[in-house]
Amino acid sequence: MKKVLLLGDSIRMGYDSYVKELLQGEFDVYYDDADNGRFAAYTLWQANQAFKRDHYDIVHWNNGYWDMNIEAPMTEAIHPVDEYVRFLKRILAEIRRNGAVPIFATTTPILSPGAAADVTGTGADNINYDNEWVVRYNAAAKELMASEGVVVNDLYSLCLADPHYFKCRDLLHLTEEGYRRCAEQTAQIIRKVIK
């Protein structure tokens, strides 16, 4: 069977097991259920570790919230937009070097500015968020992916269909329904890309 690798932050960690369940019998789906992909530079490192061990036919990934996070006492994002795009390019290059088809997922929308504790054990105090940041980073990522001919899984638009963007209490992560919807769309795109 074709192999799919899922990479990305805690949003990916919320839907990865549902994607595996939906694609059971069609694809072998792999992901690290213990490690958050955090920001793009960390996901680049994770991708390299995965590619040392195996070859994949499709790599679906997302980054964004950690990259745009302004974590005190810093006064600018971990990865300003130009750095974010540079790391996305490097991830894309490594995916292609592995011989896999890339799929990029956009960052999900934010209802109102705020902060949430990271719930995946990375030790981060808070992830700050603001939808203006999300719009800017998504636009830059989509421009890159369009220029590179990469399929985009638009999770941002998917979540806009719900009045509360499928947000759970912390207003950053998603409800179970939101994760299931993301998984359904992700599985559909993976099936289309491989045909």
N, C-alpha and C. Protein backbone atom coordinates (compact mmCIF):
# COMPACT_ATOMS: atom_id res chain seq x y z
N MET A 1 0.84 -1.20 0.00
CA MET A 1 0.00 0.00 0.00
C MET A 1 0.87 1.25 0.00
N LYS A 2 0.32 2.32 -0.53
CA LYS A 2 1.00 3.61 -0.53
C LYS A 2 1.12 4.11 0.91
N LYS A 3 2.24 4.82 1.17
CA LYS A 3 2.50 5.32 2.51
C LYS A 3 2.27 6.83 2.58
N VAL A 4 1.55 7.25 3.62
CA VAL A 4 1.26 8.66 3.86
C VAL A 4 1.90 9.06 5.19
N LEU A 5 2.63 10.18 5.17
CA LEU A 5 3.21 10.74 6.39
C LEU A 5 2.49 12.04 6.70
N LEU A 6 2.00 12.16 7.94
CA LEU A 6 1.36 13.39 8.41
C LEU A 6 2.31 14.11 9.36
N LEU A 7 2.61 15.37 9.05
CA LEU A 7 3.47 16.20 9.88
C LEU A 7 2.74 17.47 10.26
N GLY A 8 3.12 18.07 11.38
CA GLY A 8 2.54 19.35 11.75
C GLY A 8 2.33 19.50 13.24
N ASP A 9 1.65 20.58 13.59
CA ASP A 9 1.49 20.98 14.99
C ASP A 9 0.34 20.26 15.68
N SER A 10 -0.15 20.83 16.78
CA SER A 10 -1.18 20.16 17.57
C SER A 10 -2.52 20.04 16.84
N ILE A 11 -2.76 20.87 15.85
CA ILE A 11 -3.98 20.70 15.05
C ILE A 11 -3.89 19.36 14.30
N ARG A 12 -2.74 19.08 13.71
CA ARG A 12 -2.52 17.77 13.07
C ARG A 12 -2.67 16.63 14.07
N MET A 13 -2.18 16.86 15.28
CA MET A 13 -2.26 15.81 16.30
C MET A 13 -3.71 15.53 16.69
N GLY A 14 -4.60 16.49 16.44
CA GLY A 14 -6.01 16.29 16.74
C GLY A 14 -6.75 15.47 15.71
N TYR A 15 -6.27 15.50 14.45
CA TYR A 15 -7.01 14.77 13.41
C TYR A 15 -6.27 13.59 12.82
N ASP A 16 -4.99 13.37 13.18
CA ASP A 16 -4.21 12.32 12.52
C ASP A 16 -4.79 10.92 12.68
N SER A 17 -5.25 10.58 13.89
CA SER A 17 -5.79 9.23 14.09
C SER A 17 -7.08 9.01 13.30
N TYR A 18 -7.87 10.07 13.13
CA TYR A 18 -9.09 9.97 12.32
C TYR A 18 -8.76 9.76 10.84
N VAL A 19 -7.70 10.43 10.37
CA VAL A 19 -7.27 10.22 8.98
C VAL A 19 -6.85 8.77 8.79
N LYS A 20 -6.08 8.25 9.74
CA LYS A 20 -5.63 6.85 9.65
C LYS A 20 -6.83 5.90 9.61
N GLU A 21 -7.81 6.18 10.44
CA GLU A 21 -9.02 5.35 10.48
C GLU A 21 -9.78 5.42 9.14
N LEU A 22 -9.92 6.62 8.60
CA LEU A 22 -10.65 6.80 7.35
C LEU A 22 -9.95 6.15 6.15
N LEU A 23 -8.63 6.10 6.19
CA LEU A 23 -7.86 5.56 5.06
C LEU A 23 -7.43 4.11 5.27
N GLN A 24 -7.90 3.50 6.35
CA GLN A 24 -7.53 2.11 6.65
C GLN A 24 -7.89 1.21 5.47
N GLY A 25 -6.96 0.36 5.08
CA GLY A 25 -7.18 -0.54 3.96
C GLY A 25 -6.85 0.07 2.60
N GLU A 26 -6.67 1.40 2.55
CA GLU A 26 -6.31 2.09 1.31
C GLU A 26 -4.86 2.57 1.33
N PHE A 27 -4.44 3.10 2.49
CA PHE A 27 -3.10 3.66 2.66
C PHE A 27 -2.56 3.28 4.03
N ASP A 28 -1.24 3.19 4.12
CA ASP A 28 -0.59 3.09 5.43
C ASP A 28 -0.28 4.51 5.86
N VAL A 29 -0.86 4.94 6.98
CA VAL A 29 -0.72 6.31 7.46
C VAL A 29 0.21 6.34 8.67
N TYR A 30 1.21 7.23 8.62
CA TYR A 30 2.21 7.34 9.68
C TYR A 30 2.23 8.76 10.24
N TYR A 31 2.48 8.87 11.55
CA TYR A 31 2.64 10.16 12.21
C TYR A 31 3.25 9.90 13.57
N ASP A 32 3.83 10.92 14.15
CA ASP A 32 4.38 10.82 15.50
C ASP A 32 3.31 11.32 16.46
N ASP A 33 2.69 10.40 17.18
CA ASP A 33 1.59 10.80 18.06
C ASP A 33 2.07 11.37 19.39
N ALA A 34 3.41 11.42 19.57
CA ALA A 34 3.94 11.94 20.83
C ALA A 34 4.67 13.27 20.66
N ASP A 35 4.89 13.70 19.43
CA ASP A 35 5.70 14.89 19.22
C ASP A 35 5.00 15.90 18.32
N ASN A 36 4.83 17.09 18.84
CA ASN A 36 4.23 18.21 18.14
C ASN A 36 5.24 18.78 17.14
N GLY A 37 4.82 19.02 15.90
CA GLY A 37 5.70 19.58 14.89
C GLY A 37 6.06 21.03 15.11
N ARG A 38 5.36 21.69 16.02
CA ARG A 38 5.67 23.06 16.44
C ARG A 38 5.81 24.00 15.25
N PHE A 39 6.93 24.70 15.16
CA PHE A 39 7.17 25.65 14.09
C PHE A 39 7.87 24.97 12.91
N ALA A 40 7.93 25.66 11.78
CA ALA A 40 8.39 25.03 10.53
C ALA A 40 9.81 24.48 10.63
N ALA A 41 10.71 25.15 11.35
CA ALA A 41 12.08 24.65 11.46
C ALA A 41 12.09 23.30 12.18
N TYR A 42 11.23 23.13 13.18
CA TYR A 42 11.17 21.86 13.90
C TYR A 42 10.56 20.77 13.00
N THR A 43 9.54 21.13 12.24
CA THR A 43 8.94 20.16 11.32
C THR A 43 9.95 19.74 10.25
N LEU A 44 10.81 20.65 9.82
CA LEU A 44 11.88 20.30 8.88
C LEU A 44 12.76 19.22 9.49
N TRP A 45 13.13 19.39 10.76
CA TRP A 45 13.94 18.39 11.45
C TRP A 45 13.19 17.07 11.56
N GLN A 46 11.90 17.12 11.93
CA GLN A 46 11.09 15.90 12.02
C GLN A 46 11.02 15.16 10.68
N ALA A 47 10.83 15.93 9.61
CA ALA A 47 10.75 15.32 8.28
C ALA A 47 12.05 14.60 7.96
N ASN A 48 13.16 15.23 8.26
CA ASN A 48 14.45 14.61 7.99
C ASN A 48 14.62 13.31 8.76
N GLN A 49 14.18 13.30 10.01
CA GLN A 49 14.27 12.06 10.80
C GLN A 49 13.40 10.96 10.18
N ALA A 50 12.21 11.32 9.74
CA ALA A 50 11.32 10.34 9.12
C ALA A 50 11.91 9.80 7.83
N PHE A 51 12.51 10.68 7.04
CA PHE A 51 13.05 10.27 5.74
C PHE A 51 14.31 9.42 5.88
N LYS A 52 14.99 9.51 7.02
CA LYS A 52 16.13 8.62 7.28
C LYS A 52 15.66 7.18 7.40
N ARG A 53 14.42 7.01 7.89
CA ARG A 53 13.91 5.67 8.20
C ARG A 53 13.11 5.04 7.07
N ASP A 54 12.47 5.88 6.22
CA ASP A 54 11.51 5.30 5.28
C ASP A 54 11.27 6.22 4.10
N HIS A 55 10.60 5.68 3.10
CA HIS A 55 10.13 6.44 1.94
C HIS A 55 8.61 6.55 2.05
N TYR A 56 8.08 7.71 1.66
CA TYR A 56 6.63 7.93 1.69
C TYR A 56 6.16 8.36 0.31
N ASP A 57 4.93 8.04 0.01
CA ASP A 57 4.35 8.42 -1.28
C ASP A 57 3.69 9.79 -1.22
N ILE A 58 3.13 10.14 -0.06
CA ILE A 58 2.51 11.44 0.17
C ILE A 58 2.94 11.95 1.53
N VAL A 59 3.26 13.25 1.58
CA VAL A 59 3.50 13.90 2.87
C VAL A 59 2.54 15.09 2.97
N HIS A 60 1.68 15.04 3.96
CA HIS A 60 0.71 16.11 4.24
C HIS A 60 1.19 16.82 5.49
N TRP A 61 1.34 18.17 5.39
CA TRP A 61 1.84 18.87 6.57
C TRP A 61 1.23 20.25 6.71
N ASN A 62 1.32 20.74 7.97
CA ASN A 62 0.91 22.10 8.27
C ASN A 62 1.89 22.70 9.27
N ASN A 63 2.03 23.99 9.20
CA ASN A 63 2.71 24.79 10.22
C ASN A 63 2.07 26.16 10.20
N GLY A 64 2.21 26.88 11.29
CA GLY A 64 1.66 28.23 11.30
C GLY A 64 1.56 28.84 12.68
N TYR A 65 0.74 28.25 13.56
CA TYR A 65 0.52 28.87 14.86
C TYR A 65 1.82 29.13 15.64
N TRP A 66 2.69 28.15 15.67
CA TRP A 66 3.95 28.33 16.39
C TRP A 66 4.83 29.35 15.70
N ASP A 67 4.83 29.35 14.38
CA ASP A 67 5.68 30.28 13.63
C ASP A 67 5.29 31.73 13.89
N MET A 68 3.97 31.99 13.91
CA MET A 68 3.49 33.36 14.09
C MET A 68 3.39 33.77 15.55
N ASN A 69 3.61 32.85 16.47
CA ASN A 69 3.51 33.12 17.90
C ASN A 69 4.56 34.13 18.34
N ILE A 70 4.10 35.14 19.09
CA ILE A 70 5.02 36.09 19.73
C ILE A 70 5.08 35.69 21.20
N GLU A 71 6.15 35.03 21.55
CA GLU A 71 6.29 34.47 22.90
C GLU A 71 7.15 35.39 23.75
N ALA A 72 6.55 35.99 24.78
CA ALA A 72 7.29 36.90 25.66
C ALA A 72 8.51 36.20 26.27
N PRO A 73 9.61 36.91 26.42
CA PRO A 73 9.79 38.34 26.23
C PRO A 73 10.10 38.77 24.80
N MET A 74 10.03 37.86 23.83
CA MET A 74 10.25 38.27 22.44
C MET A 74 9.16 39.25 22.02
N THR A 75 9.49 40.08 21.05
CA THR A 75 8.52 41.07 20.58
C THR A 75 8.16 40.88 19.11
N GLU A 76 8.67 39.81 18.50
CA GLU A 76 8.27 39.48 17.14
C GLU A 76 8.05 37.97 17.05
N ALA A 77 7.46 37.56 15.97
CA ALA A 77 7.12 36.14 15.79
C ALA A 77 8.39 35.28 15.80
N ILE A 78 8.21 34.03 16.21
CA ILE A 78 9.31 33.06 16.16
C ILE A 78 9.89 33.03 14.75
N HIS A 79 9.01 32.94 13.75
CA HIS A 79 9.41 33.02 12.35
C HIS A 79 8.59 34.12 11.69
N PRO A 80 9.18 35.30 11.47
CA PRO A 80 8.47 36.28 10.65
C PRO A 80 8.11 35.66 9.30
N VAL A 81 7.16 36.25 8.58
CA VAL A 81 6.60 35.62 7.38
C VAL A 81 7.68 35.18 6.39
N ASP A 82 8.69 36.01 6.15
CA ASP A 82 9.72 35.64 5.16
C ASP A 82 10.49 34.40 5.61
N GLU A 83 10.77 34.28 6.91
CA GLU A 83 11.45 33.09 7.42
C GLU A 83 10.52 31.87 7.35
N TYR A 84 9.27 32.08 7.66
CA TYR A 84 8.27 31.01 7.57
C TYR A 84 8.25 30.43 6.16
N VAL A 85 8.18 31.28 5.17
CA VAL A 85 8.15 30.83 3.77
C VAL A 85 9.45 30.12 3.42
N ARG A 86 10.57 30.63 3.91
CA ARG A 86 11.86 29.98 3.62
C ARG A 86 11.88 28.56 4.17
N PHE A 87 11.38 28.37 5.39
CA PHE A 87 11.36 27.01 5.96
C PHE A 87 10.34 26.12 5.26
N LEU A 88 9.20 26.68 4.84
CA LEU A 88 8.26 25.87 4.06
C LEU A 88 8.92 25.38 2.78
N LYS A 89 9.70 26.25 2.13
CA LYS A 89 10.42 25.85 0.91
C LYS A 89 11.38 24.70 1.20
N ARG A 90 12.06 24.77 2.33
CA ARG A 90 13.02 23.72 2.68
C ARG A 90 12.30 22.40 2.97
N ILE A 91 11.17 22.47 3.68
CA ILE A 91 10.38 21.26 3.94
C ILE A 91 9.92 20.67 2.61
N LEU A 92 9.41 21.51 1.74
CA LEU A 92 8.94 21.07 0.43
C LEU A 92 10.07 20.39 -0.35
N ALA A 93 11.26 20.98 -0.33
CA ALA A 93 12.40 20.39 -1.05
C ALA A 93 12.75 19.01 -0.50
N GLU A 94 12.69 18.85 0.83
CA GLU A 94 13.01 17.55 1.42
C GLU A 94 11.93 16.51 1.10
N ILE A 95 10.68 16.94 1.09
CA ILE A 95 9.60 16.03 0.72
C ILE A 95 9.82 15.52 -0.70
N ARG A 96 10.14 16.41 -1.60
CA ARG A 96 10.36 16.02 -3.00
C ARG A 96 11.62 15.18 -3.15
N ARG A 97 12.64 15.49 -2.37
CA ARG A 97 13.87 14.68 -2.42
C ARG A 97 13.58 13.25 -1.96
N ASN A 98 12.61 13.10 -1.06
CA ASN A 98 12.19 11.77 -0.60
C ASN A 98 11.35 11.05 -1.65
N GLY A 99 10.96 11.78 -2.69
CA GLY A 99 10.15 11.18 -3.76
C GLY A 99 8.66 11.18 -3.49
N ALA A 100 8.24 11.99 -2.49
CA ALA A 100 6.83 12.02 -2.11
C ALA A 100 6.09 13.19 -2.76
N VAL A 101 4.79 13.05 -2.86
CA VAL A 101 3.92 14.13 -3.31
C VAL A 101 3.55 14.97 -2.09
N PRO A 102 3.79 16.29 -2.12
CA PRO A 102 3.46 17.13 -0.98
C PRO A 102 2.02 17.65 -1.02
N ILE A 103 1.42 17.77 0.16
CA ILE A 103 0.13 18.44 0.34
C ILE A 103 0.31 19.36 1.54
N PHE A 104 -0.02 20.64 1.38
CA PHE A 104 0.11 21.59 2.48
C PHE A 104 -1.27 21.96 3.00
N ALA A 105 -1.42 22.01 4.33
CA ALA A 105 -2.69 22.39 4.96
C ALA A 105 -2.57 23.78 5.57
N THR A 106 -3.56 24.62 5.30
CA THR A 106 -3.56 25.97 5.87
C THR A 106 -3.87 25.94 7.36
N THR A 107 -3.48 27.02 8.03
CA THR A 107 -3.75 27.19 9.45
C THR A 107 -5.22 27.54 9.65
N THR A 108 -5.83 26.96 10.66
CA THR A 108 -7.26 27.17 10.93
C THR A 108 -7.51 28.58 11.50
N PRO A 109 -8.72 29.13 11.30
CA PRO A 109 -9.00 30.51 11.71
C PRO A 109 -9.14 30.69 13.22
N ILE A 110 -9.08 31.96 13.62
CA ILE A 110 -9.18 32.36 15.02
C ILE A 110 -10.41 33.24 15.19
N LEU A 111 -11.19 32.99 16.21
CA LEU A 111 -12.37 33.81 16.49
C LEU A 111 -12.01 35.18 17.04
N SER A 112 -11.11 35.21 18.03
CA SER A 112 -10.70 36.47 18.63
C SER A 112 -9.29 36.32 19.17
N PRO A 113 -8.51 37.42 19.20
CA PRO A 113 -7.13 37.32 19.69
C PRO A 113 -7.08 36.79 21.12
N GLY A 114 -6.02 36.05 21.43
CA GLY A 114 -5.88 35.52 22.77
C GLY A 114 -4.66 34.63 22.89
N ALA A 115 -4.67 33.75 23.88
CA ALA A 115 -3.56 32.83 24.11
C ALA A 115 -4.10 31.55 24.72
N ALA A 116 -3.43 30.45 24.42
CA ALA A 116 -3.82 29.16 24.98
C ALA A 116 -2.57 28.39 25.40
N ALA A 117 -2.69 27.61 26.43
CA ALA A 117 -1.59 26.75 26.85
C ALA A 117 -1.39 25.66 25.81
N ASP A 118 -0.13 25.33 25.55
CA ASP A 118 0.14 24.19 24.67
C ASP A 118 -0.21 22.93 25.43
N VAL A 119 -0.98 22.05 24.82
CA VAL A 119 -1.48 20.86 25.51
C VAL A 119 -0.78 19.57 25.08
N THR A 120 0.34 19.72 24.39
CA THR A 120 0.99 18.52 23.84
C THR A 120 2.33 18.21 24.49
N GLY A 121 2.59 18.81 25.63
CA GLY A 121 3.77 18.43 26.39
C GLY A 121 5.08 19.01 25.92
N THR A 122 5.06 20.09 25.15
CA THR A 122 6.31 20.66 24.65
C THR A 122 6.95 21.60 25.66
N GLY A 123 6.20 22.01 26.66
CA GLY A 123 6.74 22.91 27.67
C GLY A 123 6.54 24.38 27.37
N ALA A 124 5.91 24.70 26.27
CA ALA A 124 5.65 26.10 25.95
C ALA A 124 4.63 26.67 26.94
N ASP A 125 4.84 27.91 27.35
CA ASP A 125 3.90 28.53 28.28
C ASP A 125 2.56 28.75 27.59
N ASN A 126 2.57 29.54 26.53
CA ASN A 126 1.34 29.86 25.82
C ASN A 126 1.61 30.00 24.33
N ILE A 127 0.60 29.68 23.54
CA ILE A 127 0.62 29.99 22.12
C ILE A 127 -0.32 31.17 21.95
N ASN A 128 0.22 32.30 21.51
CA ASN A 128 -0.60 33.48 21.25
C ASN A 128 -1.20 33.37 19.87
N TYR A 129 -2.34 34.00 19.65
CA TYR A 129 -2.98 33.88 18.35
C TYR A 129 -3.82 35.12 18.01
N ASP A 130 -3.91 35.37 16.72
CA ASP A 130 -4.66 36.51 16.20
C ASP A 130 -4.99 36.17 14.75
N ASN A 131 -6.23 36.33 14.35
CA ASN A 131 -6.60 35.92 12.99
C ASN A 131 -5.92 36.75 11.91
N GLU A 132 -5.55 37.99 12.21
CA GLU A 132 -4.80 38.79 11.23
C GLU A 132 -3.48 38.10 10.88
N TRP A 133 -2.83 37.52 11.89
CA TRP A 133 -1.61 36.78 11.64
C TRP A 133 -1.89 35.57 10.75
N VAL A 134 -2.96 34.84 11.08
CA VAL A 134 -3.31 33.63 10.32
C VAL A 134 -3.55 33.96 8.85
N VAL A 135 -4.31 35.01 8.59
CA VAL A 135 -4.59 35.42 7.21
C VAL A 135 -3.30 35.74 6.47
N ARG A 136 -2.40 36.49 7.12
CA ARG A 136 -1.14 36.88 6.48
C ARG A 136 -0.25 35.66 6.19
N TYR A 137 -0.10 34.78 7.15
CA TYR A 137 0.76 33.61 6.98
C TYR A 137 0.15 32.64 5.96
N ASN A 138 -1.15 32.44 6.02
CA ASN A 138 -1.80 31.56 5.04
C ASN A 138 -1.63 32.11 3.62
N ALA A 139 -1.78 33.41 3.45
CA ALA A 139 -1.63 34.01 2.12
C ALA A 139 -0.23 33.77 1.57
N ALA A 140 0.77 33.95 2.40
CA ALA A 140 2.15 33.74 1.97
C ALA A 140 2.40 32.27 1.63
N ALA A 141 1.86 31.37 2.45
CA ALA A 141 2.03 29.94 2.19
C ALA A 141 1.32 29.52 0.92
N LYS A 142 0.11 30.00 0.72
CA LYS A 142 -0.65 29.64 -0.48
C LYS A 142 0.01 30.18 -1.75
N GLU A 143 0.60 31.36 -1.65
CA GLU A 143 1.32 31.91 -2.81
C GLU A 143 2.50 31.01 -3.17
N LEU A 144 3.24 30.58 -2.15
CA LEU A 144 4.36 29.67 -2.39
C LEU A 144 3.88 28.36 -3.01
N MET A 145 2.84 27.77 -2.43
CA MET A 145 2.37 26.48 -2.92
C MET A 145 1.83 26.59 -4.34
N ALA A 146 1.18 27.69 -4.67
CA ALA A 146 0.70 27.89 -6.04
C ALA A 146 1.87 27.96 -7.01
N SER A 147 2.92 28.66 -6.63
CA SER A 147 4.10 28.79 -7.51
C SER A 147 4.82 27.46 -7.68
N GLU A 148 4.69 26.57 -6.70
CA GLU A 148 5.36 25.27 -6.73
C GLU A 148 4.45 24.14 -7.19
N GLY A 149 3.20 24.45 -7.51
CA GLY A 149 2.26 23.42 -7.97
C GLY A 149 1.87 22.42 -6.90
N VAL A 150 1.80 22.88 -5.66
CA VAL A 150 1.48 22.00 -4.53
C VAL A 150 -0.01 22.11 -4.20
N VAL A 151 -0.66 20.98 -4.00
CA VAL A 151 -2.06 20.95 -3.59
C VAL A 151 -2.18 21.50 -2.17
N VAL A 152 -3.19 22.36 -1.96
CA VAL A 152 -3.43 22.95 -0.65
C VAL A 152 -4.73 22.39 -0.07
N ASN A 153 -4.64 21.89 1.14
CA ASN A 153 -5.80 21.45 1.90
C ASN A 153 -6.25 22.65 2.74
N ASP A 154 -7.30 23.32 2.31
CA ASP A 154 -7.70 24.59 2.92
C ASP A 154 -8.56 24.36 4.16
N LEU A 155 -7.88 24.06 5.27
CA LEU A 155 -8.57 23.85 6.54
C LEU A 155 -9.13 25.16 7.09
N TYR A 156 -8.53 26.27 6.70
CA TYR A 156 -9.04 27.58 7.11
C TYR A 156 -10.48 27.76 6.63
N SER A 157 -10.69 27.57 5.33
CA SER A 157 -12.04 27.73 4.77
C SER A 157 -13.01 26.70 5.32
N LEU A 158 -12.54 25.49 5.53
CA LEU A 158 -13.38 24.44 6.10
C LEU A 158 -13.95 24.90 7.45
N CYS A 159 -13.11 25.43 8.30
CA CYS A 159 -13.55 25.82 9.65
C CYS A 159 -14.45 27.06 9.64
N LEU A 160 -14.34 27.89 8.62
CA LEU A 160 -15.21 29.07 8.52
C LEU A 160 -16.68 28.67 8.38
N ALA A 161 -16.94 27.44 7.96
CA ALA A 161 -18.32 26.97 7.76
C ALA A 161 -19.08 26.85 9.08
N ASP A 162 -18.36 26.78 10.20
CA ASP A 162 -19.00 26.70 11.51
C ASP A 162 -18.99 28.09 12.16
N PRO A 163 -20.10 28.49 12.79
CA PRO A 163 -20.16 29.84 13.40
C PRO A 163 -19.06 30.11 14.42
N HIS A 164 -18.57 29.06 15.08
CA HIS A 164 -17.51 29.22 16.08
C HIS A 164 -16.19 28.62 15.61
N TYR A 165 -16.10 28.35 14.30
CA TYR A 165 -14.87 27.83 13.66
C TYR A 165 -14.41 26.50 14.28
N PHE A 166 -15.34 25.76 14.87
CA PHE A 166 -15.04 24.48 15.52
C PHE A 166 -14.01 24.63 16.64
N LYS A 167 -13.99 25.77 17.29
CA LYS A 167 -13.00 26.00 18.34
C LYS A 167 -13.48 25.43 19.67
N CYS A 168 -12.54 24.84 20.41
CA CYS A 168 -12.85 24.37 21.75
C CYS A 168 -12.66 25.53 22.74
N ARG A 169 -12.69 25.25 24.02
CA ARG A 169 -12.69 26.32 25.04
C ARG A 169 -11.47 27.23 24.98
N ASP A 170 -10.32 26.69 24.59
CA ASP A 170 -9.11 27.53 24.59
C ASP A 170 -9.04 28.46 23.38
N LEU A 171 -10.00 28.32 22.45
CA LEU A 171 -10.13 29.16 21.25
C LEU A 171 -8.96 29.03 20.28
N LEU A 172 -8.12 28.02 20.47
CA LEU A 172 -7.02 27.74 19.54
C LEU A 172 -7.22 26.37 18.91
N HIS A 173 -7.38 25.35 19.75
CA HIS A 173 -7.56 23.99 19.27
C HIS A 173 -9.01 23.76 18.86
N LEU A 174 -9.29 22.60 18.28
CA LEU A 174 -10.61 22.34 17.72
C LEU A 174 -11.43 21.38 18.58
N THR A 175 -12.72 21.40 18.36
CA THR A 175 -13.61 20.42 18.97
C THR A 175 -13.41 19.07 18.26
N GLU A 176 -13.94 18.02 18.83
CA GLU A 176 -13.84 16.71 18.17
C GLU A 176 -14.51 16.75 16.79
N GLU A 177 -15.64 17.44 16.70
CA GLU A 177 -16.29 17.55 15.39
C GLU A 177 -15.37 18.27 14.41
N GLY A 178 -14.69 19.30 14.86
CA GLY A 178 -13.77 20.02 13.99
C GLY A 178 -12.64 19.14 13.51
N TYR A 179 -12.06 18.36 14.42
CA TYR A 179 -10.99 17.45 14.02
C TYR A 179 -11.50 16.39 13.04
N ARG A 180 -12.69 15.89 13.27
CA ARG A 180 -13.25 14.89 12.36
C ARG A 180 -13.49 15.48 10.97
N ARG A 181 -13.98 16.72 10.91
CA ARG A 181 -14.19 17.38 9.62
C ARG A 181 -12.86 17.59 8.89
N CYS A 182 -11.85 18.00 9.65
CA CYS A 182 -10.51 18.17 9.06
C CYS A 182 -10.00 16.84 8.51
N ALA A 183 -10.21 15.77 9.28
CA ALA A 183 -9.76 14.44 8.85
C ALA A 183 -10.48 14.00 7.59
N GLU A 184 -11.77 14.25 7.52
CA GLU A 184 -12.54 13.86 6.33
C GLU A 184 -12.03 14.57 5.09
N GLN A 185 -11.80 15.88 5.21
CA GLN A 185 -11.30 16.63 4.06
C GLN A 185 -9.89 16.20 3.69
N THR A 186 -9.07 15.94 4.70
CA THR A 186 -7.69 15.50 4.45
C THR A 186 -7.68 14.15 3.73
N ALA A 187 -8.50 13.23 4.19
CA ALA A 187 -8.57 11.90 3.55
C ALA A 187 -9.03 12.02 2.10
N GLN A 188 -10.02 12.87 1.85
CA GLN A 188 -10.52 13.05 0.48
C GLN A 188 -9.42 13.60 -0.44
N ILE A 189 -8.66 14.56 0.06
CA ILE A 189 -7.59 15.16 -0.76
C ILE A 189 -6.48 14.15 -1.01
N ILE A 190 -6.12 13.37 -0.01
CA ILE A 190 -5.10 12.35 -0.20
C ILE A 190 -5.54 11.36 -1.28
N ARG A 191 -6.78 10.93 -1.23
CA ARG A 191 -7.29 10.00 -2.26
C ARG A 191 -7.21 10.62 -3.66
N LYS A 192 -7.58 11.88 -3.78
CA LYS A 192 -7.56 12.56 -5.09
C LYS A 192 -6.13 12.70 -5.62
N VAL A 193 -5.21 13.05 -4.74
CA VAL A 193 -3.84 13.29 -5.15
C VAL A 193 -3.16 12.03 -5.66
N ILE A 194 -3.45 10.91 -5.06
CA ILE A 194 -2.76 9.67 -5.41
C ILE A 194 -3.31 9.04 -6.70
N LYS A 195 -4.50 9.46 -7.15
CA LYS A 195 -5.08 8.86 -8.35
C LYS A 195 -4.42 9.40 -9.60
